[in-house]
Amino acid sequence: MKGIIEHLAVTLAVLFMFAQPSSAGSAHYRDSNDRMRAEKVAYLTAAMDLTPAEAEKFWPVYNDMEKARKEAFRKVMVAYDALKKGLSEGKSEKEISTLLNRYVEAMRTSRDVEARFTPQLTRIVSVEKVAKLLIGEEEFRRMQIGRWNEKKN
């Protein structure tokens, strides 16, 4: 049974990998990004012990959450760049205050993404599985950083 679930996880990973358009410019980066996305889907599917029925409903909502996370991060970076530029250009106190408020608001919005999507996720899977999702995401992130550090050395 575990082998079937793992096979299903890999199959779902491939399906969702191709369902999302890549924004990467080069083919190499796109391939690497697609491969990592597939690994993440397989890792999280196994970590959460998703059933096929759960996975079918879960991944579209998760993909929406990922899009919201990316958009929120993009807004944080735009606000950060504007604030940094404003400081380096010696903008007025009022202008810096406006830029700072935009940055703080972007950060708040970014932190709130999970809170917005958690109710939707818990209607699909148990609270325990949503908790396993968040733990699994962090474990996967750390695993990727470890791999990157190994390649770098």
C-alpha atoms as a PDB file:
ATOM      1  CA  MET A   1       0.000   0.000   0.000  1.00  0.00           C
ATOM      2  CA  LYS A   2       2.831   2.385   0.872  1.00  0.00           C
ATOM      3  CA  GLY A   3       4.394   1.731  -2.547  1.00  0.00           C
ATOM      4  CA  ILE A   4       1.112   2.597  -4.258  1.00  0.00           C
ATOM      5  CA  ILE A   5       0.880   5.864  -2.346  1.00  0.00           C
ATOM      6  CA  GLU A   6       4.487   6.739  -3.181  1.00  0.00           C
ATOM      7  CA  HIS A   7       3.860   5.940  -6.852  1.00  0.00           C
ATOM      8  CA  LEU A   8       0.731   8.088  -6.749  1.00  0.00           C
ATOM      9  CA  ALA A   9       2.712  10.909  -5.106  1.00  0.00           C
ATOM     10  CA  VAL A  10       5.298  10.872  -7.874  1.00  0.00           C
ATOM     11  CA  THR A  11       2.570  10.747 -10.541  1.00  0.00           C
ATOM     12  CA  LEU A  12       0.775  13.679  -8.921  1.00  0.00           C
ATOM     13  CA  ALA A  13       4.054  15.549  -8.671  1.00  0.00           C
ATOM     14  CA  VAL A  14       4.607  15.215 -12.387  1.00  0.00           C
ATOM     15  CA  LEU A  15       1.020  16.242 -13.169  1.00  0.00           C
ATOM     16  CA  PHE A  16       1.161  19.328 -10.989  1.00  0.00           C
ATOM     17  CA  MET A  17       4.615  20.180 -12.239  1.00  0.00           C
ATOM     18  CA  PHE A  18       3.294  20.503 -15.781  1.00  0.00           C
ATOM     19  CA  ALA A  19       0.076  22.193 -14.671  1.00  0.00           C
ATOM     20  CA  GLN A  20       1.987  25.236 -13.442  1.00  0.00           C
ATOM     21  CA  PRO A  21       3.704  27.520 -15.920  1.00  0.00           C
ATOM     22  CA  SER A  22       7.322  28.232 -15.106  1.00  0.00           C
ATOM     23  CA  SER A  23       8.504  31.824 -14.951  1.00  0.00           C
ATOM     24  CA  ALA A  24      12.173  30.874 -15.260  1.00  0.00           C
ATOM     25  CA  GLY A  25      14.077  32.244 -18.195  1.00  0.00           C
ATOM     26  CA  SER A  26      16.541  29.493 -19.006  1.00  0.00           C
ATOM     27  CA  ALA A  27      15.695  25.874 -19.794  1.00  0.00           C
ATOM     28  CA  HIS A  28      18.232  24.621 -17.230  1.00  0.00           C
ATOM     29  CA  TYR A  29      16.740  26.711 -14.437  1.00  0.00           C
ATOM     30  CA  ARG A  30      13.239  25.686 -15.482  1.00  0.00           C
ATOM     31  CA  ASP A  31      14.198  21.995 -15.446  1.00  0.00           C
ATOM     32  CA  SER A  32      15.812  22.344 -12.029  1.00  0.00           C
ATOM     33  CA  ASN A  33      12.816  24.266 -10.706  1.00  0.00           C
ATOM     34  CA  ASP A  34      10.397  21.679 -12.109  1.00  0.00           C
ATOM     35  CA  ARG A  35      12.424  18.844 -10.613  1.00  0.00           C
ATOM     36  CA  MET A  36      12.474  20.524  -7.200  1.00  0.00           C
ATOM     37  CA  ARG A  37       8.727  21.194  -7.379  1.00  0.00           C
ATOM     38  CA  ALA A  38       8.091  17.531  -8.196  1.00  0.00           C
ATOM     39  CA  GLU A  39      10.310  16.444  -5.295  1.00  0.00           C
ATOM     40  CA  LYS A  40       8.441  18.804  -2.989  1.00  0.00           C
ATOM     41  CA  VAL A  41       5.038  17.480  -4.028  1.00  0.00           C
ATOM     42  CA  ALA A  42       6.196  13.886  -3.524  1.00  0.00           C
ATOM     43  CA  TYR A  43       7.821  14.745  -0.178  1.00  0.00           C
ATOM     44  CA  LEU A  44       4.756  16.577   1.148  1.00  0.00           C
ATOM     45  CA  THR A  45       2.338  13.923  -0.116  1.00  0.00           C
ATOM     46  CA  ALA A  46       4.284  11.282   1.788  1.00  0.00           C
ATOM     47  CA  ALA A  47       4.799  13.473   4.880  1.00  0.00           C
ATOM     48  CA  MET A  48       1.071  14.179   5.091  1.00  0.00           C
ATOM     49  CA  ASP A  49       0.123  10.611   4.145  1.00  0.00           C
ATOM     50  CA  LEU A  50      -2.454  11.950   1.692  1.00  0.00           C
ATOM     51  CA  THR A  51      -4.960   9.559   0.208  1.00  0.00           C
ATOM     52  CA  PRO A  52      -5.589   9.829  -3.537  1.00  0.00           C
ATOM     53  CA  ALA A  53      -8.986  11.437  -2.868  1.00  0.00           C
ATOM     54  CA  GLU A  54      -7.434  13.975  -0.490  1.00  0.00           C
ATOM     55  CA  ALA A  55      -4.586  14.714  -2.891  1.00  0.00           C
ATOM     56  CA  GLU A  56      -6.998  15.429  -5.731  1.00  0.00           C
ATOM     57  CA  LYS A  57      -8.720  18.134  -3.663  1.00  0.00           C
ATOM     58  CA  PHE A  58      -5.675  19.307  -1.714  1.00  0.00           C
ATOM     59  CA  TRP A  59      -3.163  20.168  -4.449  1.00  0.00           C
ATOM     60  CA  PRO A  60      -5.250  22.772  -6.312  1.00  0.00           C
ATOM     61  CA  VAL A  61      -5.780  24.709  -3.048  1.00  0.00           C
ATOM     62  CA  TYR A  62      -2.114  24.311  -2.127  1.00  0.00           C
ATOM     63  CA  ASN A  63      -1.089  25.593  -5.561  1.00  0.00           C
ATOM     64  CA  ASP A  64      -3.307  28.647  -5.026  1.00  0.00           C
ATOM     65  CA  MET A  65      -1.625  29.196  -1.661  1.00  0.00           C
ATOM     66  CA  GLU A  66       1.802  28.952  -3.309  1.00  0.00           C
ATOM     67  CA  LYS A  67       0.759  31.545  -5.907  1.00  0.00           C
ATOM     68  CA  ALA A  68      -0.420  33.848  -3.108  1.00  0.00           C
ATOM     69  CA  ARG A  69       2.879  33.322  -1.267  1.00  0.00           C
ATOM     70  CA  LYS A  70       4.900  34.178  -4.361  1.00  0.00           C
ATOM     71  CA  GLU A  71       2.835  37.270  -5.071  1.00  0.00           C
ATOM     72  CA  ALA A  72       3.101  38.409  -1.455  1.00  0.00           C
ATOM     73  CA  PHE A  73       6.880  37.851  -1.533  1.00  0.00           C
ATOM     74  CA  ARG A  74       7.125  39.822  -4.779  1.00  0.00           C
ATOM     75  CA  LYS A  75       5.282  42.739  -3.136  1.00  0.00           C
ATOM     76  CA  VAL A  76       7.597  42.580  -0.113  1.00  0.00           C
ATOM     77  CA  MET A  77      10.624  42.770  -2.383  1.00  0.00           C
ATOM     78  CA  VAL A  78       9.195  45.681  -4.392  1.00  0.00           C
ATOM     79  CA  ALA A  79       8.443  47.567  -1.160  1.00  0.00           C
ATOM     80  CA  TYR A  80      11.890  46.698   0.223  1.00  0.00           C
ATOM     81  CA  ASP A  81      13.638  47.956  -2.911  1.00  0.00           C
ATOM     82  CA  ALA A  82      11.600  51.174  -2.859  1.00  0.00           C
ATOM     83  CA  LEU A  83      12.389  51.753   0.821  1.00  0.00           C
ATOM     84  CA  LYS A  84      16.099  51.074   0.318  1.00  0.00           C
ATOM     85  CA  LYS A  85      16.193  53.379  -2.710  1.00  0.00           C
ATOM     86  CA  GLY A  86      14.309  56.091  -0.830  1.00  0.00           C
ATOM     87  CA  LEU A  87      16.829  55.964   1.998  1.00  0.00           C
ATOM     88  CA  SER A  88      19.826  56.045  -0.341  1.00  0.00           C
ATOM     89  CA  GLU A  89      18.367  58.992  -2.254  1.00  0.00           C
ATOM     90  CA  GLY A  90      17.773  60.970   0.949  1.00  0.00           C
ATOM     91  CA  LYS A  91      13.997  61.195   0.584  1.00  0.00           C
ATOM     92  CA  SER A  92      12.073  63.305   3.085  1.00  0.00           C
ATOM     93  CA  GLU A  93      10.849  61.947   6.416  1.00  0.00           C
ATOM     94  CA  LYS A  94       7.283  61.901   5.077  1.00  0.00           C
ATOM     95  CA  GLU A  95       8.284  59.952   1.947  1.00  0.00           C
ATOM     96  CA  ILE A  96      10.337  57.463   3.998  1.00  0.00           C
ATOM     97  CA  SER A  97       7.373  57.036   6.339  1.00  0.00           C
ATOM     98  CA  THR A  98       5.114  56.182   3.393  1.00  0.00           C
ATOM     99  CA  LEU A  99       7.643  53.726   1.986  1.00  0.00           C
ATOM    100  CA  LEU A 100       8.148  52.149   5.408  1.00  0.00           C
ATOM    101  CA  ASN A 101       4.395  51.726   5.881  1.00  0.00           C
ATOM    102  CA  ARG A 102       4.123  50.047   2.467  1.00  0.00           C
ATOM    103  CA  TYR A 103       6.941  47.678   3.393  1.00  0.00           C
ATOM    104  CA  VAL A 104       5.431  46.815   6.791  1.00  0.00           C
ATOM    105  CA  GLU A 105       2.027  46.228   5.185  1.00  0.00           C
ATOM    106  CA  ALA A 106       3.568  43.988   2.532  1.00  0.00           C
ATOM    107  CA  MET A 107       5.308  41.984   5.271  1.00  0.00           C
ATOM    108  CA  ARG A 108       2.029  41.652   7.188  1.00  0.00           C
ATOM    109  CA  THR A 109       0.212  40.436   4.079  1.00  0.00           C
ATOM    110  CA  SER A 110       2.975  37.931   3.404  1.00  0.00           C
ATOM    111  CA  ARG A 111       2.732  36.499   6.923  1.00  0.00           C
ATOM    112  CA  ASP A 112      -1.054  36.205   6.643  1.00  0.00           C
ATOM    113  CA  VAL A 113      -1.113  33.900   3.591  1.00  0.00           C
ATOM    114  CA  GLU A 114      -1.102  30.672   5.622  1.00  0.00           C
ATOM    115  CA  ALA A 115      -3.803  32.028   7.928  1.00  0.00           C
ATOM    116  CA  ARG A 116      -6.010  32.792   4.908  1.00  0.00           C
ATOM    117  CA  PHE A 117      -5.610  29.307   3.423  1.00  0.00           C
ATOM    118  CA  THR A 118      -5.656  27.162   6.579  1.00  0.00           C
ATOM    119  CA  PRO A 119      -9.477  27.071   6.826  1.00  0.00           C
ATOM    120  CA  GLN A 120      -9.730  25.873   3.209  1.00  0.00           C
ATOM    121  CA  LEU A 121      -7.063  23.222   3.783  1.00  0.00           C
ATOM    122  CA  THR A 122      -8.693  21.938   6.982  1.00  0.00           C
ATOM    123  CA  ARG A 123     -11.951  21.428   5.093  1.00  0.00           C
ATOM    124  CA  ILE A 124     -10.058  19.052   2.785  1.00  0.00           C
ATOM    125  CA  VAL A 125      -7.693  17.287   5.191  1.00  0.00           C
ATOM    126  CA  SER A 126      -7.428  16.998   8.971  1.00  0.00           C
ATOM    127  CA  VAL A 127      -5.813  19.645  11.148  1.00  0.00           C
ATOM    128  CA  GLU A 128      -3.074  17.108  11.865  1.00  0.00           C
ATOM    129  CA  LYS A 129      -2.314  16.798   8.149  1.00  0.00           C
ATOM    130  CA  VAL A 130      -2.195  20.591   7.745  1.00  0.00           C
ATOM    131  CA  ALA A 131       0.253  20.705  10.663  1.00  0.00           C
ATOM    132  CA  LYS A 132       2.292  17.969   8.935  1.00  0.00           C
ATOM    133  CA  LEU A 133       2.202  20.094   5.777  1.00  0.00           C
ATOM    134  CA  LEU A 134       3.751  23.100   7.492  1.00  0.00           C
ATOM    135  CA  ILE A 135       6.360  20.943   9.244  1.00  0.00           C
ATOM    136  CA  GLY A 136       7.042  19.100   5.980  1.00  0.00           C
ATOM    137  CA  GLU A 137       7.533  22.355   4.083  1.00  0.00           C
ATOM    138  CA  GLU A 138      10.125  23.496   6.608  1.00  0.00           C
ATOM    139  CA  GLU A 139      11.862  20.111   6.568  1.00  0.00           C
ATOM    140  CA  PHE A 140      11.935  20.160   2.770  1.00  0.00           C
ATOM    141  CA  ARG A 141      13.314  23.708   2.761  1.00  0.00           C
ATOM    142  CA  ARG A 142      16.085  22.693   5.162  1.00  0.00           C
ATOM    143  CA  MET A 143      16.838  19.606   3.097  1.00  0.00           C
ATOM    144  CA  GLN A 144      17.187  21.768  -0.032  1.00  0.00           C
ATOM    145  CA  ILE A 145      19.483  24.217   1.765  1.00  0.00           C
ATOM    146  CA  GLY A 146      21.611  21.270   2.914  1.00  0.00           C
ATOM    147  CA  ARG A 147      21.849  20.002  -0.670  1.00  0.00           C
ATOM    148  CA  TRP A 148      22.761  23.459  -1.918  1.00  0.00           C
ATOM    149  CA  ASN A 149      25.463  23.799   0.749  1.00  0.00           C
ATOM    150  CA  GLU A 150      26.880  20.364  -0.174  1.00  0.00           C
ATOM    151  CA  LYS A 151      27.082  21.357  -3.858  1.00  0.00           C
ATOM    152  CA  LYS A 152      28.676  24.657  -2.937  1.00  0.00           C
ATOM    153  CA  ASN A 153      31.452  22.973  -0.918  1.00  0.00           C
END
